[in-house]
């Protein structure tokens, strides 16, 4: 009887000990759950495909995103008991976060994203450099694809390269997207904007897609003022109807770049103006054979919705705006005022006290 009592006491004591340990462990786990942890420094965690919850918890703890690997695993296994799969990808964590905030990102697949912004009017090689700088691809991989005729045609582009079809916008991707996916997304955005521009195109505008995209790229390069684009478009439409050469400087720059093996320069010489080339609108009539840059929505709309005007010329005021003229006399006057007199260096007047015989003393 005495032995039974001793065994009973021992069992009660053991159970109490286990209960105390269990209660302490529960308090530790709930304290872990409720306590934010982490530093302001960004921590990147790569969750591989097929990783189970135990491996995910280990990776998060070893990156100092979760405070304690063992408590984290017990919390996930015993208390949270979430049946959703944890998604692979690159995750970024910064600041003090509760474990549920960390884990929810992995359950939802809120991976780190990379962004790049393409301004209007850039050429393909300039866009490739922006994508590379954002860490979303190498220019050495992107540029060959941009120039790949089969790839362009596969995306529905009617040219042998993607010039003019890489829409200026802000793009967001997860890490290491395929170069084809990046370019396809840009072409897709361009298609959306071209469709919007096509809606209700102005009566009498008969440009096909290739011509519209080409003209839009020229309009984009001619002015940064959105309010001027429809009127500049009108000038070009009027010139095309009359069979006049467009004589637009950006096409000369583009032709010169192609003639010089891809070296771009803003400086145009008389030799450049006279050099025969399909893209030189000073030597050929009509539109060049393709776009010279990648136009935004305003330029695309202007190409298909020109202003109603009688202008045939425009001259820069050297401040981003232009003087528009319907005839050659007006144009020559504007050239003289804004391109000759305005740019002429001011004459230096001699100071009276520096002239011989005019010194005081």
Foldseek 3Di string as FASTA:
>chain_A
DVVVVVVVVVVVVVVVVVVVVVVVLVVVLVCQQPWWFAAQDKFKFFFDPPDFPLVVLVRCVVSRNRPDSVSLVCCCVPPVVDPAGFAGAIAIDGDTDGPVVVRVCRSVVVHDKWKFFFDFQAWPLVVQVRCVVSQADHSVVQVVLQQQQVLCVVLVHPDNGCFQQQEGGMDMDGHHDDSSVNRSVRNVVSVVLLVVLPVPFDPPQPDDPFQLSQQLSLLRVVFPDLVCSLALLVLLVLCLVVQHQLQRVLLLQLQVCVVVPNDGDPDDDPCSQPDDDQSNSSPDTDTRRGHSHHGYNSSSNSNRHHDDDQFNDWDDQVPRDIDTDNDDVVVVVRCCVRVNVVPDDDDDDDDQCVDPPRPDD
